[in-house]
Amino acid sequence: MKKSKEDKKFTAYLGKGSNLTGNFNYDGVGRIDGNFKGEINSKDKLIVGETGSIEGNINVSELIVYGTINGNIDVKKATIHKTGKIIGDFKVKNLITESGAIIEGTISMQKQEDKNKIKDLKEFKEKIKKK
C-alpha cells in the first residue's frame, strides 16, 4: 500500500493489535489499523488500513478503506481499495472503488448541489407560474 505525504501526518491513530470502544472525534487525518467499535466523527479524513476493522457508524469528510467496516457511513468522498470491505448503508457524494472491493448494503449517491443553480431554477419556476 502506497502512502502519500499527507497520509503520514496522522493526528489520530489506532495501531495494529489495539482495541478501542467508544466515540472517536478528531480533527486532521485519522488512521485505524486496529479494531474499533463505536462511532467516528470528523470533518476531515479517515484511513482504515488493511488490518483495520471498524464496527460502528462513520461520519467523516473523506474515507479511504483498505480494511473492513461494518456500519453505516456518511461521507463526501470515499475510496475503497481492492482489500476493502464495507457492510452497511453508505451515503456518499463521490465514490471510487478498485476492482475487488466489496460493498454489501445500500449505496446512496448524493449529488453535490450548486446553490446558484437551485436559486435560478426556483426563480424560473416562479416566473412560469406567474404567466
N, C-alpha and C. Protein backbone atom coordinates (compact mmCIF):
# COMPACT_ATOMS: atom_id res chain seq x y z
N MET A 1 0.84 -1.17 0.00
CA MET A 1 0.00 0.00 0.00
C MET A 1 0.89 1.24 0.00
N LYS A 2 0.69 2.11 -0.98
CA LYS A 2 1.45 3.35 -1.04
C LYS A 2 0.88 4.36 -0.07
N LYS A 3 1.75 5.14 0.52
CA LYS A 3 1.31 6.21 1.41
C LYS A 3 1.71 7.54 0.79
N SER A 4 0.77 8.46 0.76
CA SER A 4 1.09 9.79 0.28
C SER A 4 1.72 10.56 1.44
N LYS A 5 2.28 11.70 1.15
CA LYS A 5 2.88 12.53 2.20
C LYS A 5 1.83 12.93 3.23
N GLU A 6 0.60 13.20 2.76
CA GLU A 6 -0.47 13.62 3.66
C GLU A 6 -0.84 12.48 4.62
N ASP A 7 -0.85 11.23 4.12
CA ASP A 7 -1.22 10.09 4.95
C ASP A 7 -0.25 9.85 6.09
N LYS A 8 0.98 10.31 5.97
CA LYS A 8 1.98 10.11 7.02
C LYS A 8 1.80 11.08 8.19
N LYS A 9 0.98 12.09 8.03
CA LYS A 9 0.77 13.11 9.06
C LYS A 9 -0.53 12.85 9.80
N PHE A 10 -0.58 11.79 10.59
CA PHE A 10 -1.79 11.44 11.33
C PHE A 10 -1.90 12.30 12.58
N THR A 11 -3.10 12.74 12.87
CA THR A 11 -3.35 13.44 14.14
C THR A 11 -4.04 12.49 15.12
N ALA A 12 -4.59 11.40 14.61
CA ALA A 12 -5.24 10.39 15.45
C ALA A 12 -4.92 9.02 14.86
N TYR A 13 -4.48 8.09 15.72
CA TYR A 13 -4.03 6.79 15.22
C TYR A 13 -4.35 5.67 16.21
N LEU A 14 -4.89 4.56 15.69
CA LEU A 14 -5.11 3.34 16.47
C LEU A 14 -4.31 2.25 15.78
N GLY A 15 -3.25 1.78 16.42
CA GLY A 15 -2.31 0.85 15.81
C GLY A 15 -2.79 -0.58 15.73
N LYS A 16 -2.11 -1.35 14.88
CA LYS A 16 -2.37 -2.77 14.68
C LYS A 16 -2.28 -3.49 16.03
N GLY A 17 -3.25 -4.36 16.30
CA GLY A 17 -3.28 -5.10 17.56
C GLY A 17 -3.98 -4.38 18.69
N SER A 18 -4.32 -3.11 18.48
CA SER A 18 -5.02 -2.32 19.51
C SER A 18 -6.53 -2.49 19.36
N ASN A 19 -7.23 -2.38 20.49
CA ASN A 19 -8.69 -2.45 20.52
C ASN A 19 -9.22 -1.23 21.26
N LEU A 20 -10.24 -0.59 20.71
CA LEU A 20 -10.81 0.58 21.34
C LEU A 20 -12.31 0.59 21.13
N THR A 21 -13.06 0.92 22.18
CA THR A 21 -14.51 1.03 22.11
C THR A 21 -14.91 2.42 22.60
N GLY A 22 -15.85 3.06 21.90
CA GLY A 22 -16.34 4.36 22.33
C GLY A 22 -16.62 5.27 21.16
N ASN A 23 -16.60 6.57 21.41
CA ASN A 23 -16.78 7.59 20.38
C ASN A 23 -15.42 8.19 20.06
N PHE A 24 -15.12 8.30 18.77
CA PHE A 24 -13.83 8.79 18.30
C PHE A 24 -14.08 10.07 17.50
N ASN A 25 -13.69 11.22 18.05
CA ASN A 25 -13.83 12.51 17.39
C ASN A 25 -12.45 13.13 17.27
N TYR A 26 -12.11 13.64 16.10
CA TYR A 26 -10.78 14.21 15.89
C TYR A 26 -10.80 15.22 14.75
N ASP A 27 -9.76 16.01 14.67
CA ASP A 27 -9.50 16.92 13.55
C ASP A 27 -8.23 16.44 12.87
N GLY A 28 -8.14 16.61 11.56
CA GLY A 28 -6.95 16.19 10.82
C GLY A 28 -7.15 14.83 10.20
N VAL A 29 -6.06 14.09 10.03
CA VAL A 29 -6.10 12.77 9.41
C VAL A 29 -6.08 11.70 10.49
N GLY A 30 -7.09 10.84 10.49
CA GLY A 30 -7.15 9.72 11.42
C GLY A 30 -6.87 8.43 10.69
N ARG A 31 -6.26 7.49 11.39
CA ARG A 31 -5.97 6.18 10.78
C ARG A 31 -6.26 5.09 11.81
N ILE A 32 -6.94 4.04 11.31
CA ILE A 32 -7.26 2.88 12.15
C ILE A 32 -6.59 1.66 11.53
N ASP A 33 -5.66 1.05 12.26
CA ASP A 33 -5.04 -0.21 11.85
C ASP A 33 -5.40 -1.32 12.83
N GLY A 34 -6.07 -0.96 13.92
CA GLY A 34 -6.50 -1.93 14.93
C GLY A 34 -8.00 -2.16 14.82
N ASN A 35 -8.62 -2.53 15.94
CA ASN A 35 -10.05 -2.81 15.98
C ASN A 35 -10.76 -1.71 16.76
N PHE A 36 -11.76 -1.11 16.13
CA PHE A 36 -12.52 -0.05 16.77
C PHE A 36 -14.00 -0.40 16.75
N LYS A 37 -14.66 -0.18 17.88
CA LYS A 37 -16.10 -0.40 17.97
C LYS A 37 -16.73 0.86 18.56
N GLY A 38 -17.62 1.48 17.80
CA GLY A 38 -18.26 2.71 18.26
C GLY A 38 -18.56 3.64 17.11
N GLU A 39 -18.58 4.92 17.39
CA GLU A 39 -18.91 5.94 16.39
C GLU A 39 -17.70 6.82 16.11
N ILE A 40 -17.49 7.14 14.83
CA ILE A 40 -16.38 8.00 14.42
C ILE A 40 -16.94 9.24 13.73
N ASN A 41 -16.52 10.43 14.19
CA ASN A 41 -16.95 11.70 13.60
C ASN A 41 -15.75 12.60 13.40
N SER A 42 -15.67 13.17 12.21
CA SER A 42 -14.61 14.13 11.92
C SER A 42 -15.00 14.94 10.69
N LYS A 43 -14.55 16.17 10.65
CA LYS A 43 -14.76 16.98 9.45
C LYS A 43 -13.64 16.72 8.44
N ASP A 44 -12.74 15.81 8.78
CA ASP A 44 -11.57 15.55 7.95
C ASP A 44 -11.53 14.11 7.43
N LYS A 45 -10.35 13.57 7.23
CA LYS A 45 -10.12 12.29 6.57
C LYS A 45 -9.92 11.14 7.57
N LEU A 46 -10.43 9.96 7.18
CA LEU A 46 -10.20 8.73 7.93
C LEU A 46 -9.65 7.68 6.98
N ILE A 47 -8.57 7.03 7.39
CA ILE A 47 -7.99 5.94 6.63
C ILE A 47 -8.13 4.67 7.47
N VAL A 48 -8.69 3.63 6.86
CA VAL A 48 -8.79 2.33 7.52
C VAL A 48 -7.78 1.42 6.82
N GLY A 49 -6.70 1.08 7.54
CA GLY A 49 -5.64 0.25 6.97
C GLY A 49 -6.09 -1.19 6.76
N GLU A 50 -5.25 -1.99 6.09
CA GLU A 50 -5.60 -3.38 5.77
C GLU A 50 -5.92 -4.20 7.01
N THR A 51 -5.27 -3.93 8.12
CA THR A 51 -5.53 -4.67 9.36
C THR A 51 -6.60 -3.98 10.20
N GLY A 52 -7.11 -2.85 9.71
CA GLY A 52 -8.12 -2.09 10.45
C GLY A 52 -9.51 -2.68 10.32
N SER A 53 -10.25 -2.63 11.43
CA SER A 53 -11.61 -3.14 11.46
C SER A 53 -12.45 -2.19 12.30
N ILE A 54 -13.57 -1.75 11.74
CA ILE A 54 -14.46 -0.83 12.45
C ILE A 54 -15.85 -1.44 12.49
N GLU A 55 -16.44 -1.44 13.67
CA GLU A 55 -17.82 -1.85 13.84
C GLU A 55 -18.55 -0.65 14.44
N GLY A 56 -19.28 0.06 13.61
CA GLY A 56 -19.98 1.26 14.07
C GLY A 56 -20.19 2.24 12.94
N ASN A 57 -20.83 3.34 13.25
CA ASN A 57 -21.16 4.36 12.25
C ASN A 57 -20.02 5.35 12.07
N ILE A 58 -19.88 5.81 10.82
CA ILE A 58 -18.80 6.74 10.47
C ILE A 58 -19.40 7.95 9.76
N ASN A 59 -19.01 9.14 10.21
CA ASN A 59 -19.41 10.39 9.58
C ASN A 59 -18.16 11.25 9.48
N VAL A 60 -17.52 11.22 8.30
CA VAL A 60 -16.30 11.99 8.05
C VAL A 60 -16.41 12.65 6.68
N SER A 61 -15.48 13.53 6.38
CA SER A 61 -15.49 14.18 5.09
C SER A 61 -14.96 13.25 4.00
N GLU A 62 -13.82 12.61 4.28
CA GLU A 62 -13.19 11.72 3.30
C GLU A 62 -12.82 10.40 3.96
N LEU A 63 -13.09 9.30 3.26
CA LEU A 63 -12.83 7.97 3.79
C LEU A 63 -12.02 7.18 2.77
N ILE A 64 -10.93 6.56 3.25
CA ILE A 64 -10.12 5.68 2.42
C ILE A 64 -10.08 4.33 3.13
N VAL A 65 -10.52 3.27 2.42
CA VAL A 65 -10.67 1.97 3.06
C VAL A 65 -9.80 0.91 2.39
N TYR A 66 -8.93 0.30 3.21
CA TYR A 66 -8.16 -0.88 2.83
C TYR A 66 -8.63 -2.07 3.66
N GLY A 67 -9.27 -1.82 4.81
CA GLY A 67 -9.69 -2.85 5.75
C GLY A 67 -11.19 -3.09 5.70
N THR A 68 -11.80 -3.33 6.88
CA THR A 68 -13.21 -3.73 6.96
C THR A 68 -14.01 -2.76 7.82
N ILE A 69 -15.21 -2.42 7.34
CA ILE A 69 -16.13 -1.58 8.10
C ILE A 69 -17.49 -2.28 8.12
N ASN A 70 -18.05 -2.40 9.32
CA ASN A 70 -19.39 -2.94 9.48
C ASN A 70 -20.22 -1.87 10.19
N GLY A 71 -20.95 -1.08 9.42
CA GLY A 71 -21.73 0.01 9.99
C GLY A 71 -22.18 0.96 8.91
N ASN A 72 -22.95 1.95 9.29
CA ASN A 72 -23.45 2.95 8.35
C ASN A 72 -22.42 4.06 8.17
N ILE A 73 -22.31 4.54 6.93
CA ILE A 73 -21.30 5.52 6.58
C ILE A 73 -21.95 6.71 5.89
N ASP A 74 -21.52 7.93 6.27
CA ASP A 74 -21.99 9.15 5.63
C ASP A 74 -20.76 10.01 5.36
N VAL A 75 -20.36 10.12 4.09
CA VAL A 75 -19.14 10.84 3.71
C VAL A 75 -19.35 11.64 2.44
N LYS A 76 -18.47 12.61 2.23
CA LYS A 76 -18.49 13.35 0.97
C LYS A 76 -17.73 12.60 -0.11
N LYS A 77 -16.58 12.03 0.26
CA LYS A 77 -15.72 11.35 -0.71
C LYS A 77 -15.21 10.06 -0.10
N ALA A 78 -15.24 8.97 -0.90
CA ALA A 78 -14.74 7.69 -0.40
C ALA A 78 -13.97 6.97 -1.50
N THR A 79 -12.89 6.31 -1.08
CA THR A 79 -12.12 5.45 -1.96
C THR A 79 -12.02 4.09 -1.28
N ILE A 80 -12.53 3.05 -1.96
CA ILE A 80 -12.49 1.70 -1.42
C ILE A 80 -11.50 0.91 -2.27
N HIS A 81 -10.42 0.47 -1.64
CA HIS A 81 -9.39 -0.28 -2.37
C HIS A 81 -9.75 -1.75 -2.45
N LYS A 82 -9.01 -2.53 -3.24
CA LYS A 82 -9.35 -3.92 -3.52
C LYS A 82 -9.41 -4.79 -2.27
N THR A 83 -8.73 -4.42 -1.21
CA THR A 83 -8.77 -5.19 0.04
C THR A 83 -9.87 -4.69 0.99
N GLY A 84 -10.58 -3.64 0.59
CA GLY A 84 -11.60 -3.03 1.43
C GLY A 84 -12.93 -3.75 1.38
N LYS A 85 -13.61 -3.77 2.53
CA LYS A 85 -14.93 -4.38 2.62
C LYS A 85 -15.81 -3.52 3.51
N ILE A 86 -17.00 -3.20 3.00
CA ILE A 86 -17.98 -2.41 3.74
C ILE A 86 -19.29 -3.18 3.80
N ILE A 87 -19.82 -3.30 5.02
CA ILE A 87 -21.13 -3.92 5.22
C ILE A 87 -22.00 -2.88 5.93
N GLY A 88 -23.02 -2.38 5.25
CA GLY A 88 -23.89 -1.37 5.84
C GLY A 88 -24.36 -0.37 4.82
N ASP A 89 -25.20 0.54 5.24
CA ASP A 89 -25.70 1.59 4.35
C ASP A 89 -24.62 2.65 4.16
N PHE A 90 -24.55 3.16 2.94
CA PHE A 90 -23.44 4.01 2.54
C PHE A 90 -23.98 5.24 1.81
N LYS A 91 -23.88 6.42 2.44
CA LYS A 91 -24.24 7.69 1.79
C LYS A 91 -22.94 8.36 1.38
N VAL A 92 -22.83 8.71 0.10
CA VAL A 92 -21.59 9.27 -0.41
C VAL A 92 -21.89 10.19 -1.59
N LYS A 93 -21.07 11.20 -1.77
CA LYS A 93 -21.23 12.11 -2.91
C LYS A 93 -20.28 11.73 -4.04
N ASN A 94 -19.07 11.26 -3.70
CA ASN A 94 -18.06 10.92 -4.69
C ASN A 94 -17.44 9.59 -4.28
N LEU A 95 -17.63 8.54 -5.09
CA LEU A 95 -17.17 7.20 -4.73
C LEU A 95 -16.23 6.64 -5.78
N ILE A 96 -15.09 6.13 -5.31
CA ILE A 96 -14.12 5.46 -6.19
C ILE A 96 -13.90 4.07 -5.60
N THR A 97 -14.01 3.04 -6.43
CA THR A 97 -13.75 1.68 -5.96
C THR A 97 -12.77 0.99 -6.90
N GLU A 98 -11.86 0.23 -6.29
CA GLU A 98 -10.96 -0.62 -7.08
C GLU A 98 -11.66 -1.95 -7.33
N SER A 99 -11.26 -2.62 -8.40
CA SER A 99 -11.78 -3.95 -8.68
C SER A 99 -11.42 -4.87 -7.52
N GLY A 100 -12.39 -5.57 -7.00
CA GLY A 100 -12.17 -6.47 -5.87
C GLY A 100 -12.73 -5.92 -4.57
N ALA A 101 -13.01 -4.63 -4.51
CA ALA A 101 -13.60 -4.02 -3.31
C ALA A 101 -15.00 -4.59 -3.11
N ILE A 102 -15.40 -4.74 -1.85
CA ILE A 102 -16.71 -5.31 -1.54
C ILE A 102 -17.55 -4.29 -0.78
N ILE A 103 -18.78 -4.09 -1.26
CA ILE A 103 -19.75 -3.25 -0.56
C ILE A 103 -21.06 -4.04 -0.49
N GLU A 104 -21.47 -4.39 0.73
CA GLU A 104 -22.72 -5.10 0.94
C GLU A 104 -23.67 -4.17 1.68
N GLY A 105 -24.69 -3.70 1.01
CA GLY A 105 -25.64 -2.78 1.62
C GLY A 105 -26.17 -1.81 0.59
N THR A 106 -26.87 -0.82 1.05
CA THR A 106 -27.46 0.19 0.19
C THR A 106 -26.49 1.35 -0.01
N ILE A 107 -26.30 1.72 -1.27
CA ILE A 107 -25.45 2.87 -1.58
C ILE A 107 -26.35 4.00 -2.06
N SER A 108 -26.21 5.16 -1.45
CA SER A 108 -26.97 6.34 -1.84
C SER A 108 -25.99 7.40 -2.32
N MET A 109 -25.99 7.65 -3.62
CA MET A 109 -25.10 8.67 -4.19
C MET A 109 -25.84 10.00 -4.16
N GLN A 110 -25.26 10.98 -3.50
CA GLN A 110 -25.88 12.29 -3.37
C GLN A 110 -25.17 13.27 -4.28
N LYS A 111 -25.93 13.95 -5.09
CA LYS A 111 -25.36 14.93 -6.00
C LYS A 111 -24.99 16.19 -5.22
N GLN A 112 -23.81 16.72 -5.52
CA GLN A 112 -23.41 17.98 -4.90
C GLN A 112 -24.16 19.09 -5.63
N GLU A 113 -24.96 19.82 -4.86
CA GLU A 113 -25.82 20.83 -5.47
C GLU A 113 -25.13 22.18 -5.53
N ASP A 114 -25.37 22.85 -6.60
CA ASP A 114 -24.87 24.21 -6.76
C ASP A 114 -25.99 25.15 -6.33
N LYS A 115 -25.79 25.89 -5.24
CA LYS A 115 -26.84 26.75 -4.68
C LYS A 115 -27.35 27.77 -5.69
N ASN A 116 -26.46 28.27 -6.54
CA ASN A 116 -26.88 29.25 -7.54
C ASN A 116 -27.83 28.62 -8.55
N LYS A 117 -27.57 27.38 -8.95
CA LYS A 117 -28.44 26.71 -9.91
C LYS A 117 -29.81 26.47 -9.29
N ILE A 118 -29.85 26.10 -8.03
CA ILE A 118 -31.13 25.87 -7.34
C ILE A 118 -31.91 27.17 -7.27
N LYS A 119 -31.23 28.27 -6.92
CA LYS A 119 -31.88 29.58 -6.84
C LYS A 119 -32.43 29.97 -8.21
N ASP A 120 -31.61 29.79 -9.27
CA ASP A 120 -32.05 30.12 -10.62
C ASP A 120 -33.25 29.28 -11.04
N LEU A 121 -33.26 28.00 -10.68
CA LEU A 121 -34.36 27.12 -11.03
C LEU A 121 -35.64 27.55 -10.32
N LYS A 122 -35.54 27.91 -9.05
CA LYS A 122 -36.71 28.37 -8.30
C LYS A 122 -37.28 29.64 -8.91
N GLU A 123 -36.40 30.58 -9.27
CA GLU A 123 -36.84 31.83 -9.89
C GLU A 123 -37.52 31.56 -11.23
N PHE A 124 -36.97 30.62 -12.01
CA PHE A 124 -37.53 30.26 -13.30
C PHE A 124 -38.94 29.67 -13.14
N LYS A 125 -39.09 28.77 -12.15
CA LYS A 125 -40.40 28.15 -11.91
C LYS A 125 -41.43 29.19 -11.47
N GLU A 126 -41.01 30.17 -10.66
CA GLU A 126 -41.91 31.23 -10.21
C GLU A 126 -42.37 32.08 -11.38
N LYS A 127 -41.46 32.37 -12.31
CA LYS A 127 -41.82 33.16 -13.48
C LYS A 127 -42.83 32.43 -14.34
N ILE A 128 -42.67 31.12 -14.48
CA ILE A 128 -43.60 30.32 -15.29
C ILE A 128 -44.98 30.31 -14.65
N LYS A 129 -45.03 30.18 -13.32
CA LYS A 129 -46.31 30.15 -12.62
C LYS A 129 -47.06 31.47 -12.78
N LYS A 130 -46.34 32.59 -12.83
CA LYS A 130 -46.96 33.91 -12.95
C LYS A 130 -47.55 34.14 -14.32
N LYS A 131 -47.07 33.45 -15.34
CA LYS A 131 -47.55 33.67 -16.71
C LYS A 131 -48.85 33.02 -16.97
